[in-house]
C-alpha atoms as a PDB file:
ATOM      1  CA  UNK A   1     171.253 103.667 156.696  1.00  0.00           C
ATOM      2  CA  UNK A   2     168.691 102.064 154.396  1.00  0.00           C
ATOM      3  CA  UNK A   3     169.301 102.792 150.722  1.00  0.00           C
ATOM      4  CA  UNK A   4     166.590 103.298 148.130  1.00  0.00           C
ATOM      5  CA  UNK A   5     167.002 101.422 144.867  1.00  0.00           C
ATOM      6  CA  UNK A   6     168.123 103.620 141.963  1.00  0.00           C
ATOM      7  CA  UNK A   7     165.600 104.652 139.372  1.00  0.00           C
ATOM      8  CA  UNK A   8     164.797 101.837 136.910  1.00  0.00           C
ATOM      9  CA  UNK A   9     165.490 104.116 133.959  1.00  0.00           C
ATOM     10  CA  UNK A  10     168.839 105.736 134.622  1.00  0.00           C
ATOM     11  CA  UNK A  11     170.586 108.267 132.458  1.00  0.00           C
ATOM     12  CA  UNK A  12     173.696 107.789 134.592  1.00  0.00           C
ATOM     13  CA  UNK A  13     174.671 104.849 136.758  1.00  0.00           C
ATOM     14  CA  UNK A  14     177.963 104.685 138.692  1.00  0.00           C
ATOM     15  CA  UNK A  15     178.584 101.346 140.402  1.00  0.00           C
ATOM     16  CA  UNK A  16     181.012 100.554 143.215  1.00  0.00           C
ATOM     17  CA  UNK A  17     183.257 103.561 142.479  1.00  0.00           C
ATOM     18  CA  UNK A  18     186.488 103.723 144.471  1.00  0.00           C
ATOM     19  CA  UNK A  19     189.201 106.347 144.108  1.00  0.00           C
ATOM     20  CA  UNK A  20     192.569 106.315 145.869  1.00  0.00           C
ATOM     21  CA  UNK A  21     195.274 108.946 146.031  1.00  0.00           C
ATOM     22  CA  UNK A  22     198.296 107.034 147.274  1.00  0.00           C
ATOM     23  CA  UNK A  23     197.368 105.602 150.661  1.00  0.00           C
ATOM     24  CA  UNK A  24     194.277 107.830 150.963  1.00  0.00           C
ATOM     25  CA  UNK A  25     190.895 106.399 149.970  1.00  0.00           C
ATOM     26  CA  UNK A  26     188.740 109.282 148.718  1.00  0.00           C
ATOM     27  CA  UNK A  27     185.811 107.146 147.535  1.00  0.00           C
ATOM     28  CA  UNK A  28     185.052 103.671 148.833  1.00  0.00           C
ATOM     29  CA  UNK A  29     182.563 101.645 146.754  1.00  0.00           C
ATOM     30  CA  UNK A  30     180.127 104.477 146.008  1.00  0.00           C
ATOM     31  CA  UNK A  31     176.946 103.797 144.035  1.00  0.00           C
ATOM     32  CA  UNK A  32     175.261 106.781 142.377  1.00  0.00           C
ATOM     33  CA  UNK A  33     172.578 107.138 139.722  1.00  0.00           C
ATOM     34  CA  UNK A  34     170.558 109.857 138.007  1.00  0.00           C
ATOM     35  CA  UNK A  35     167.283 109.145 136.226  1.00  0.00           C
ATOM     36  CA  UNK A  36     165.932 110.721 133.080  1.00  0.00           C
ATOM     37  CA  UNK A  37     164.845 114.322 133.774  1.00  0.00           C
ATOM     38  CA  UNK A  38     165.688 113.880 137.471  1.00  0.00           C
ATOM     39  CA  UNK A  39     167.293 116.434 139.796  1.00  0.00           C
ATOM     40  CA  UNK A  40     169.547 114.771 142.390  1.00  0.00           C
ATOM     41  CA  UNK A  41     170.941 116.711 145.334  1.00  0.00           C
ATOM     42  CA  UNK A  42     174.388 115.294 146.169  1.00  0.00           C
ATOM     43  CA  UNK A  43     174.891 116.216 149.815  1.00  0.00           C
ATOM     44  CA  UNK A  44     177.495 115.955 152.534  1.00  0.00           C
ATOM     45  CA  UNK A  45     179.927 118.091 154.468  1.00  0.00           C
ATOM     46  CA  UNK A  46     183.184 119.369 152.954  1.00  0.00           C
ATOM     47  CA  UNK A  47     185.718 116.651 152.221  1.00  0.00           C
ATOM     48  CA  UNK A  48     183.379 113.640 152.078  1.00  0.00           C
ATOM     49  CA  UNK A  49     183.982 112.986 148.362  1.00  0.00           C
ATOM     50  CA  UNK A  50     181.231 114.874 146.525  1.00  0.00           C
ATOM     51  CA  UNK A  51     183.518 116.783 144.160  1.00  0.00           C
ATOM     52  CA  UNK A  52     185.784 113.750 143.779  1.00  0.00           C
ATOM     53  CA  UNK A  53     182.816 111.684 142.595  1.00  0.00           C
ATOM     54  CA  UNK A  54     181.876 114.316 140.024  1.00  0.00           C
ATOM     55  CA  UNK A  55     185.444 114.762 138.820  1.00  0.00           C
ATOM     56  CA  UNK A  56     185.796 110.994 138.502  1.00  0.00           C
ATOM     57  CA  UNK A  57     182.661 110.897 136.361  1.00  0.00           C
ATOM     58  CA  UNK A  58     183.910 113.486 133.873  1.00  0.00           C
ATOM     59  CA  UNK A  59     187.509 112.330 133.608  1.00  0.00           C
ATOM     60  CA  UNK A  60     189.517 114.426 136.081  1.00  0.00           C
ATOM     61  CA  UNK A  61     190.267 111.373 138.247  1.00  0.00           C
ATOM     62  CA  UNK A  62     190.676 107.761 137.210  1.00  0.00           C
ATOM     63  CA  UNK A  63     188.687 105.346 139.374  1.00  0.00           C
ATOM     64  CA  UNK A  64     190.584 102.581 141.167  1.00  0.00           C
ATOM     65  CA  UNK A  65     187.563 100.326 140.647  1.00  0.00           C
ATOM     66  CA  UNK A  66     183.950 100.499 139.559  1.00  0.00           C
ATOM     67  CA  UNK A  67     181.908 101.011 136.415  1.00  0.00           C
ATOM     68  CA  UNK A  68     180.094 103.947 134.785  1.00  0.00           C
ATOM     69  CA  UNK A  69     177.081 103.610 132.507  1.00  0.00           C
ATOM     70  CA  UNK A  70     175.633 106.507 130.528  1.00  0.00           C
ATOM     71  CA  UNK A  71     172.388 105.994 128.607  1.00  0.00           C
ATOM     72  CA  UNK A  72     172.779 102.260 129.206  1.00  0.00           C
ATOM     73  CA  UNK A  73     176.267 102.128 127.686  1.00  0.00           C
ATOM     74  CA  UNK A  74     179.359 101.265 129.719  1.00  0.00           C
ATOM     75  CA  UNK A  75     181.692 104.204 129.303  1.00  0.00           C
ATOM     76  CA  UNK A  76     184.819 105.874 130.641  1.00  0.00           C
ATOM     77  CA  UNK A  77     185.056 109.641 130.290  1.00  0.00           C
ATOM     78  CA  UNK A  78     188.754 110.475 130.010  1.00  0.00           C
ATOM     79  CA  UNK A  79     188.256 114.238 129.625  1.00  0.00           C
ATOM     80  CA  UNK A  80     185.687 116.980 130.126  1.00  0.00           C
ATOM     81  CA  UNK A  81     185.612 117.473 126.351  1.00  0.00           C
ATOM     82  CA  UNK A  82     184.519 113.866 125.846  1.00  0.00           C
ATOM     83  CA  UNK A  83     181.860 114.321 128.523  1.00  0.00           C
ATOM     84  CA  UNK A  84     180.688 117.465 126.749  1.00  0.00           C
ATOM     85  CA  UNK A  85     180.436 115.579 123.473  1.00  0.00           C
ATOM     86  CA  UNK A  86     177.984 113.256 125.218  1.00  0.00           C
ATOM     87  CA  UNK A  87     175.815 116.164 126.393  1.00  0.00           C
ATOM     88  CA  UNK A  88     177.233 116.685 129.912  1.00  0.00           C
ATOM     89  CA  UNK A  89     177.981 120.212 131.175  1.00  0.00           C
ATOM     90  CA  UNK A  90     179.717 120.913 134.507  1.00  0.00           C
ATOM     91  CA  UNK A  91     180.029 124.068 136.585  1.00  0.00           C
ATOM     92  CA  UNK A  92     183.115 123.786 138.797  1.00  0.00           C
ATOM     93  CA  UNK A  93     183.834 125.725 141.953  1.00  0.00           C
ATOM     94  CA  UNK A  94     186.832 127.368 140.249  1.00  0.00           C
ATOM     95  CA  UNK A  95     184.604 128.536 137.321  1.00  0.00           C
ATOM     96  CA  UNK A  96     187.023 127.263 134.566  1.00  0.00           C
ATOM     97  CA  UNK A  97     187.305 130.578 132.691  1.00  0.00           C
ATOM     98  CA  UNK A  98     190.024 131.787 130.318  1.00  0.00           C
ATOM     99  CA  UNK A  99     191.387 135.040 131.770  1.00  0.00           C
ATOM    100  CA  UNK A 100     192.765 136.339 128.465  1.00  0.00           C
ATOM    101  CA  UNK A 101     189.438 136.069 126.634  1.00  0.00           C
ATOM    102  CA  UNK A 102     186.424 138.361 126.717  1.00  0.00           C
ATOM    103  CA  UNK A 103     183.188 137.598 128.548  1.00  0.00           C
ATOM    104  CA  UNK A 104     181.282 136.542 125.446  1.00  0.00           C
ATOM    105  CA  UNK A 105     184.260 134.528 124.147  1.00  0.00           C
ATOM    106  CA  UNK A 106     184.290 132.608 127.427  1.00  0.00           C
ATOM    107  CA  UNK A 107     180.586 131.961 127.019  1.00  0.00           C
ATOM    108  CA  UNK A 108     181.134 130.327 123.617  1.00  0.00           C
ATOM    109  CA  UNK A 109     184.609 128.882 124.232  1.00  0.00           C
ATOM    110  CA  UNK A 110     185.022 125.689 122.192  1.00  0.00           C
ATOM    111  CA  UNK A 111     181.631 126.274 120.543  1.00  0.00           C
ATOM    112  CA  UNK A 112     182.214 129.410 118.529  1.00  0.00           C
ATOM    113  CA  UNK A 113     179.544 130.338 115.982  1.00  0.00           C
ATOM    114  CA  UNK A 114     180.923 130.566 112.462  1.00  0.00           C
ATOM    115  CA  UNK A 115     180.149 132.483 109.306  1.00  0.00           C
ATOM    116  CA  UNK A 116     181.057 130.296 106.350  1.00  0.00           C
ATOM    117  CA  UNK A 117     181.476 131.317 102.719  1.00  0.00           C
ATOM    118  CA  UNK A 118     182.957 129.490  99.766  1.00  0.00           C
ATOM    119  CA  UNK A 119     186.547 130.098 100.807  1.00  0.00           C
ATOM    120  CA  UNK A 120     186.746 131.060 104.496  1.00  0.00           C
ATOM    121  CA  UNK A 121     185.292 130.557 107.962  1.00  0.00           C
ATOM    122  CA  UNK A 122     184.925 133.490 110.339  1.00  0.00           C
ATOM    123  CA  UNK A 123     183.685 133.717 113.910  1.00  0.00           C
ATOM    124  CA  UNK A 124     180.271 135.367 114.051  1.00  0.00           C
ATOM    125  CA  UNK A 125     181.276 137.713 116.863  1.00  0.00           C
ATOM    126  CA  UNK A 126     178.170 139.886 116.573  1.00  0.00           C
ATOM    127  CA  UNK A 127     175.779 136.967 117.043  1.00  0.00           C
ATOM    128  CA  UNK A 128     177.824 135.432 119.848  1.00  0.00           C
ATOM    129  CA  UNK A 129     177.920 138.799 121.644  1.00  0.00           C
ATOM    130  CA  UNK A 130     174.140 139.228 121.253  1.00  0.00           C
ATOM    131  CA  UNK A 131     173.223 135.719 122.476  1.00  0.00           C
ATOM    132  CA  UNK A 132     175.628 135.814 125.442  1.00  0.00           C
ATOM    133  CA  UNK A 133     174.352 139.256 126.463  1.00  0.00           C
ATOM    134  CA  UNK A 134     170.716 138.153 126.272  1.00  0.00           C
ATOM    135  CA  UNK A 135     171.172 134.975 128.281  1.00  0.00           C
ATOM    136  CA  UNK A 136     173.508 136.356 130.955  1.00  0.00           C
ATOM    137  CA  UNK A 137     171.228 139.333 131.594  1.00  0.00           C
ATOM    138  CA  UNK A 138     168.308 136.939 132.022  1.00  0.00           C
ATOM    139  CA  UNK A 139     170.035 134.916 134.743  1.00  0.00           C
ATOM    140  CA  UNK A 140     171.272 137.894 136.737  1.00  0.00           C
ATOM    141  CA  UNK A 141     174.278 139.741 135.254  1.00  0.00           C
ATOM    142  CA  UNK A 142     173.114 143.268 136.104  1.00  0.00           C
ATOM    143  CA  UNK A 143     176.274 145.378 136.143  1.00  0.00           C
ATOM    144  CA  UNK A 144     176.714 147.739 133.204  1.00  0.00           C
ATOM    145  CA  UNK A 145     179.738 146.019 131.683  1.00  0.00           C
ATOM    146  CA  UNK A 146     180.404 145.316 128.006  1.00  0.00           C
ATOM    147  CA  UNK A 147     180.713 141.652 127.131  1.00  0.00           C
ATOM    148  CA  UNK A 148     183.770 142.271 124.971  1.00  0.00           C
ATOM    149  CA  UNK A 149     185.679 143.263 128.142  1.00  0.00           C
ATOM    150  CA  UNK A 150     188.134 140.752 129.596  1.00  0.00           C
ATOM    151  CA  UNK A 151     186.618 138.202 131.968  1.00  0.00           C
ATOM    152  CA  UNK A 152     189.247 139.227 134.528  1.00  0.00           C
ATOM    153  CA  UNK A 153     187.174 142.353 135.218  1.00  0.00           C
ATOM    154  CA  UNK A 154     184.302 140.310 136.615  1.00  0.00           C
ATOM    155  CA  UNK A 155     183.703 139.801 140.341  1.00  0.00           C
ATOM    156  CA  UNK A 156     183.542 136.308 141.844  1.00  0.00           C
ATOM    157  CA  UNK A 157     179.750 136.281 141.728  1.00  0.00           C
ATOM    158  CA  UNK A 158     179.699 137.481 138.111  1.00  0.00           C
ATOM    159  CA  UNK A 159     182.164 134.765 137.119  1.00  0.00           C
ATOM    160  CA  UNK A 160     179.886 132.241 138.789  1.00  0.00           C
ATOM    161  CA  UNK A 161     176.925 133.551 136.766  1.00  0.00           C
ATOM    162  CA  UNK A 162     178.925 133.298 133.561  1.00  0.00           C
ATOM    163  CA  UNK A 163     179.904 129.670 134.261  1.00  0.00           C
ATOM    164  CA  UNK A 164     176.349 128.694 135.239  1.00  0.00           C
ATOM    165  CA  UNK A 165     174.815 130.551 132.298  1.00  0.00           C
ATOM    166  CA  UNK A 166     177.175 128.909 129.801  1.00  0.00           C
ATOM    167  CA  UNK A 167     176.421 125.428 131.138  1.00  0.00           C
ATOM    168  CA  UNK A 168     172.650 125.979 131.210  1.00  0.00           C
ATOM    169  CA  UNK A 169     172.703 127.337 127.659  1.00  0.00           C
ATOM    170  CA  UNK A 170     174.668 124.439 126.093  1.00  0.00           C
ATOM    171  CA  UNK A 171     173.665 121.412 128.194  1.00  0.00           C
ATOM    172  CA  UNK A 172     171.905 118.655 126.281  1.00  0.00           C
ATOM    173  CA  UNK A 173     171.502 115.720 128.706  1.00  0.00           C
ATOM    174  CA  UNK A 174     173.103 116.175 132.124  1.00  0.00           C
ATOM    175  CA  UNK A 175     173.918 119.393 134.037  1.00  0.00           C
ATOM    176  CA  UNK A 176     176.343 119.124 136.979  1.00  0.00           C
ATOM    177  CA  UNK A 177     176.493 122.025 139.426  1.00  0.00           C
ATOM    178  CA  UNK A 178     179.240 121.907 142.066  1.00  0.00           C
ATOM    179  CA  UNK A 179     178.380 124.349 144.906  1.00  0.00           C
ATOM    180  CA  UNK A 180     176.824 126.764 142.389  1.00  0.00           C
ATOM    181  CA  UNK A 181     175.602 129.382 144.882  1.00  0.00           C
ATOM    182  CA  UNK A 182     178.811 129.839 146.871  1.00  0.00           C
ATOM    183  CA  UNK A 183     179.619 133.303 145.432  1.00  0.00           C
ATOM    184  CA  UNK A 184     176.126 134.585 144.587  1.00  0.00           C
ATOM    185  CA  UNK A 185     173.902 137.205 146.179  1.00  0.00           C
ATOM    186  CA  UNK A 186     170.385 136.208 147.233  1.00  0.00           C
ATOM    187  CA  UNK A 187     168.817 137.968 144.241  1.00  0.00           C
ATOM    188  CA  UNK A 188     171.185 136.164 141.854  1.00  0.00           C
ATOM    189  CA  UNK A 189     170.425 132.844 143.557  1.00  0.00           C
ATOM    190  CA  UNK A 190     166.722 133.222 142.789  1.00  0.00           C
ATOM    191  CA  UNK A 191     167.384 134.003 139.112  1.00  0.00           C
ATOM    192  CA  UNK A 192     169.749 131.055 138.790  1.00  0.00           C
ATOM    193  CA  UNK A 193     167.172 128.766 140.411  1.00  0.00           C
ATOM    194  CA  UNK A 194     164.693 129.815 137.730  1.00  0.00           C
ATOM    195  CA  UNK A 195     167.301 129.067 135.049  1.00  0.00           C
ATOM    196  CA  UNK A 196     167.874 125.608 136.560  1.00  0.00           C
ATOM    197  CA  UNK A 197     164.123 124.974 136.622  1.00  0.00           C
ATOM    198  CA  UNK A 198     163.974 125.916 132.940  1.00  0.00           C
ATOM    199  CA  UNK A 199     166.760 123.436 132.225  1.00  0.00           C
ATOM    200  CA  UNK A 200     164.709 120.700 133.912  1.00  0.00           C
ATOM    201  CA  UNK A 201     161.662 121.692 131.803  1.00  0.00           C
ATOM    202  CA  UNK A 202     163.780 120.935 128.732  1.00  0.00           C
ATOM    203  CA  UNK A 203     163.933 117.306 129.913  1.00  0.00           C
ATOM    204  CA  UNK A 204     167.518 117.539 131.183  1.00  0.00           C
ATOM    205  CA  UNK A 205     168.822 115.752 134.273  1.00  0.00           C
ATOM    206  CA  UNK A 206     170.707 117.668 136.959  1.00  0.00           C
ATOM    207  CA  UNK A 207     173.223 116.864 139.720  1.00  0.00           C
ATOM    208  CA  UNK A 208     173.301 119.620 142.316  1.00  0.00           C
ATOM    209  CA  UNK A 209     176.305 119.285 144.664  1.00  0.00           C
ATOM    210  CA  UNK A 210     176.090 121.147 147.975  1.00  0.00           C
ATOM    211  CA  UNK A 211     176.695 120.838 151.720  1.00  0.00           C
ATOM    212  CA  UNK A 212     173.678 123.091 152.411  1.00  0.00           C
ATOM    213  CA  UNK A 213     170.382 121.196 152.089  1.00  0.00           C
ATOM    214  CA  UNK A 214     168.006 124.214 151.805  1.00  0.00           C
ATOM    215  CA  UNK A 215     169.758 125.310 148.576  1.00  0.00           C
ATOM    216  CA  UNK A 216     168.599 122.245 146.705  1.00  0.00           C
ATOM    217  CA  UNK A 217     165.541 121.022 148.582  1.00  0.00           C
ATOM    218  CA  UNK A 218     162.893 122.839 146.528  1.00  0.00           C
ATOM    219  CA  UNK A 219     164.145 121.749 143.117  1.00  0.00           C
ATOM    220  CA  UNK A 220     165.463 118.222 143.822  1.00  0.00           C
ATOM    221  CA  UNK A 221     163.589 114.983 143.248  1.00  0.00           C
ATOM    222  CA  UNK A 222     165.998 112.856 145.260  1.00  0.00           C
ATOM    223  CA  UNK A 223     168.867 113.284 147.731  1.00  0.00           C
ATOM    224  CA  UNK A 224     172.065 111.276 148.042  1.00  0.00           C
ATOM    225  CA  UNK A 225     174.257 111.839 151.091  1.00  0.00           C
ATOM    226  CA  UNK A 226     177.921 110.834 151.183  1.00  0.00           C
ATOM    227  CA  UNK A 227     179.887 110.323 154.373  1.00  0.00           C
ATOM    228  CA  UNK A 228     183.637 109.776 154.494  1.00  0.00           C
ATOM    229  CA  UNK A 229     183.802 108.637 150.872  1.00  0.00           C
ATOM    230  CA  UNK A 230     180.903 106.182 151.210  1.00  0.00           C
ATOM    231  CA  UNK A 231     177.143 106.110 150.627  1.00  0.00           C
ATOM    232  CA  UNK A 232     175.187 107.181 153.696  1.00  0.00           C
ATOM    233  CA  UNK A 233     171.614 107.831 152.524  1.00  0.00           C
ATOM    234  CA  UNK A 234     169.476 107.887 149.372  1.00  0.00           C
ATOM    235  CA  UNK A 235     166.038 109.435 149.769  1.00  0.00           C
ATOM    236  CA  UNK A 236     163.230 110.452 147.483  1.00  0.00           C
ATOM    237  CA  UNK A 237     161.826 113.904 148.174  1.00  0.00           C
ATOM    238  CA  UNK A 238     158.367 112.565 148.962  1.00  0.00           C
ATOM    239  CA  UNK A 239     159.847 110.379 151.708  1.00  0.00           C
ATOM    240  CA  UNK A 240     161.503 113.196 153.653  1.00  0.00           C
ATOM    241  CA  UNK A 241     161.363 116.884 154.571  1.00  0.00           C
ATOM    242  CA  UNK A 242     163.990 119.563 155.112  1.00  0.00           C
ATOM    243  CA  UNK A 243     164.209 118.953 158.864  1.00  0.00           C
ATOM    244  CA  UNK A 244     164.808 115.228 158.469  1.00  0.00           C
ATOM    245  CA  UNK A 245     167.306 115.850 155.695  1.00  0.00           C
ATOM    246  CA  UNK A 246     169.312 118.244 157.841  1.00  0.00           C
ATOM    247  CA  UNK A 247     169.213 115.739 160.738  1.00  0.00           C
ATOM    248  CA  UNK A 248     170.667 113.112 158.408  1.00  0.00           C
ATOM    249  CA  UNK A 249     173.459 115.477 157.420  1.00  0.00           C
ATOM    250  CA  UNK A 250     174.283 116.122 161.080  1.00  0.00           C
ATOM    251  CA  UNK A 251     174.168 112.391 161.755  1.00  0.00           C
ATOM    252  CA  UNK A 252     176.579 111.719 158.884  1.00  0.00           C
ATOM    253  CA  UNK A 253     179.017 114.257 160.313  1.00  0.00           C
ATOM    254  CA  UNK A 254     178.799 112.627 163.738  1.00  0.00           C
ATOM    255  CA  UNK A 255     179.651 109.282 162.137  1.00  0.00           C
ATOM    256  CA  UNK A 256     182.836 110.823 160.715  1.00  0.00           C
ATOM    257  CA  UNK A 257     183.725 112.292 164.134  1.00  0.00           C
ATOM    258  CA  UNK A 258     183.219 108.881 165.788  1.00  0.00           C
ATOM    259  CA  UNK A 259     185.502 107.218 163.246  1.00  0.00           C
ATOM    260  CA  UNK A 260     188.153 109.891 163.784  1.00  0.00           C
ATOM    261  CA  UNK A 261     187.880 109.474 167.563  1.00  0.00           C
ATOM    262  CA  UNK A 262     188.282 105.708 167.214  1.00  0.00           C
ATOM    263  CA  UNK A 263     191.375 106.230 165.074  1.00  0.00           C
ATOM    264  CA  UNK A 264     192.880 108.629 167.592  1.00  0.00           C
ATOM    265  CA  UNK A 265     192.136 106.235 170.446  1.00  0.00           C
ATOM    266  CA  UNK A 266     193.967 103.488 168.572  1.00  0.00           C
ATOM    267  CA  UNK A 267     196.967 105.756 168.012  1.00  0.00           C
ATOM    268  CA  UNK A 268     197.047 106.773 171.676  1.00  0.00           C
ATOM    269  CA  UNK A 269     197.464 103.123 172.572  1.00  0.00           C
ATOM    270  CA  UNK A 270     200.428 103.236 170.191  1.00  0.00           C
ATOM    271  CA  UNK A 271     202.494 106.351 171.118  1.00  0.00           C
ATOM    272  CA  UNK A 272     204.973 105.818 168.263  1.00  0.00           C
ATOM    273  CA  UNK A 273     202.023 105.627 165.860  1.00  0.00           C
ATOM    274  CA  UNK A 274     200.601 108.954 166.928  1.00  0.00           C
ATOM    275  CA  UNK A 275     204.087 110.485 166.608  1.00  0.00           C
ATOM    276  CA  UNK A 276     204.212 109.198 163.028  1.00  0.00           C
ATOM    277  CA  UNK A 277     200.786 110.678 162.263  1.00  0.00           C
ATOM    278  CA  UNK A 278     201.953 114.018 163.679  1.00  0.00           C
ATOM    279  CA  UNK A 279     205.083 113.922 161.519  1.00  0.00           C
ATOM    280  CA  UNK A 280     203.006 113.137 158.428  1.00  0.00           C
ATOM    281  CA  UNK A 281     200.684 116.065 159.174  1.00  0.00           C
ATOM    282  CA  UNK A 282     203.692 118.350 159.582  1.00  0.00           C
ATOM    283  CA  UNK A 283     205.059 117.152 156.277  1.00  0.00           C
ATOM    284  CA  UNK A 284     201.837 118.076 154.469  1.00  0.00           C
ATOM    285  CA  UNK A 285     201.751 121.480 156.152  1.00  0.00           C
ATOM    286  CA  UNK A 286     205.296 122.318 155.071  1.00  0.00           C
ATOM    287  CA  UNK A 287     204.161 123.194 151.549  1.00  0.00           C
ATOM    288  CA  UNK A 288     202.687 126.431 152.939  1.00  0.00           C
ATOM    289  CA  UNK A 289     206.095 127.655 154.073  1.00  0.00           C
ATOM    290  CA  UNK A 290     208.304 129.090 151.360  1.00  0.00           C
ATOM    291  CA  UNK A 291     211.224 130.231 153.502  1.00  0.00           C
ATOM    292  CA  UNK A 292     213.643 127.408 154.334  1.00  0.00           C
ATOM    293  CA  UNK A 293     211.089 124.915 153.014  1.00  0.00           C
ATOM    294  CA  UNK A 294     213.733 122.379 151.886  1.00  0.00           C
ATOM    295  CA  UNK A 295     215.497 122.420 155.244  1.00  0.00           C
ATOM    296  CA  UNK A 296     212.247 121.878 157.164  1.00  0.00           C
ATOM    297  CA  UNK A 297     211.311 119.008 154.871  1.00  0.00           C
ATOM    298  CA  UNK A 298     214.681 117.319 155.494  1.00  0.00           C
ATOM    299  CA  UNK A 299     214.184 117.537 159.266  1.00  0.00           C
ATOM    300  CA  UNK A 300     210.662 116.072 159.082  1.00  0.00           C
ATOM    301  CA  UNK A 301     211.793 113.277 156.734  1.00  0.00           C
ATOM    302  CA  UNK A 302     214.507 112.314 159.212  1.00  0.00           C
ATOM    303  CA  UNK A 303     211.913 112.376 162.026  1.00  0.00           C
ATOM    304  CA  UNK A 304     209.510 110.159 160.048  1.00  0.00           C
ATOM    305  CA  UNK A 305     212.237 107.671 159.175  1.00  0.00           C
ATOM    306  CA  UNK A 306     213.379 107.420 162.795  1.00  0.00           C
ATOM    307  CA  UNK A 307     209.814 106.785 163.992  1.00  0.00           C
ATOM    308  CA  UNK A 308     209.301 104.110 161.310  1.00  0.00           C
ATOM    309  CA  UNK A 309     212.489 102.410 162.447  1.00  0.00           C
ATOM    310  CA  UNK A 310     211.333 102.435 166.072  1.00  0.00           C
ATOM    311  CA  UNK A 311     207.954 101.006 165.062  1.00  0.00           C
ATOM    312  CA  UNK A 312     209.664  97.991 163.552  1.00  0.00           C
ATOM    313  CA  UNK A 313     211.944  97.245 166.542  1.00  0.00           C
END
């Protein structure tokens, strides 16, 4: 697939990023960039490496190779807090909320507003409550719930709104949204889209991660598609349309299927190899069984060892 050159002026530039987890290669030489005040849709089916790329950027995963540049400076983010200090806000699929804190405390977590006098510092709870209430109501929190209630009382969609609202409120340079609409109603989606558009109007760049092209098509300037941990396509919005974009996504999935089929065909020519793969799959599945888990693991380990021995005869 022909790749477009990245924007000449890049806020973010990730070059040749590879990430390995043991023998598994999650990302294989991925290039990714975001221009100033640009919205990039990061697309691909589940498991192709979209979230891994984002988590590598902000310090959750350490890259095996590659370089990251932010505002022209070579940098390595070793934590989300460091990324935040550079103006990057991320909305994760798991929402990243503190269950023991209230709704408004979660909104301002790590950025509490303070009242300062000559001797003491106090949290300005009244102002934090007011600002969180105002902003969350604007982006779609409609239920009659007090913001000093525990966040555990919120539904999945309401938690999503809280996470998105917090990120949109505090972001300074780059907003990262990982599957932001997964738990939202259609009415909430429209309000959040308006909030995202307002973030762009502030001159902020956005990475919108999704496997569903229509979610991001209207607001994105460019689309990057990943396939099996590698770059597949990089298209400007003016060079495509929603139908072509969805065809590319289908094509990328077919590429993965072809590679899997080729791998299976190779293993079929090697019966001991396919037995080993089956044993490895069983071993990974065992973690879901609590009863007699240790005994099952022992059996599978013995099976794997015997197959490895046979492979070397």
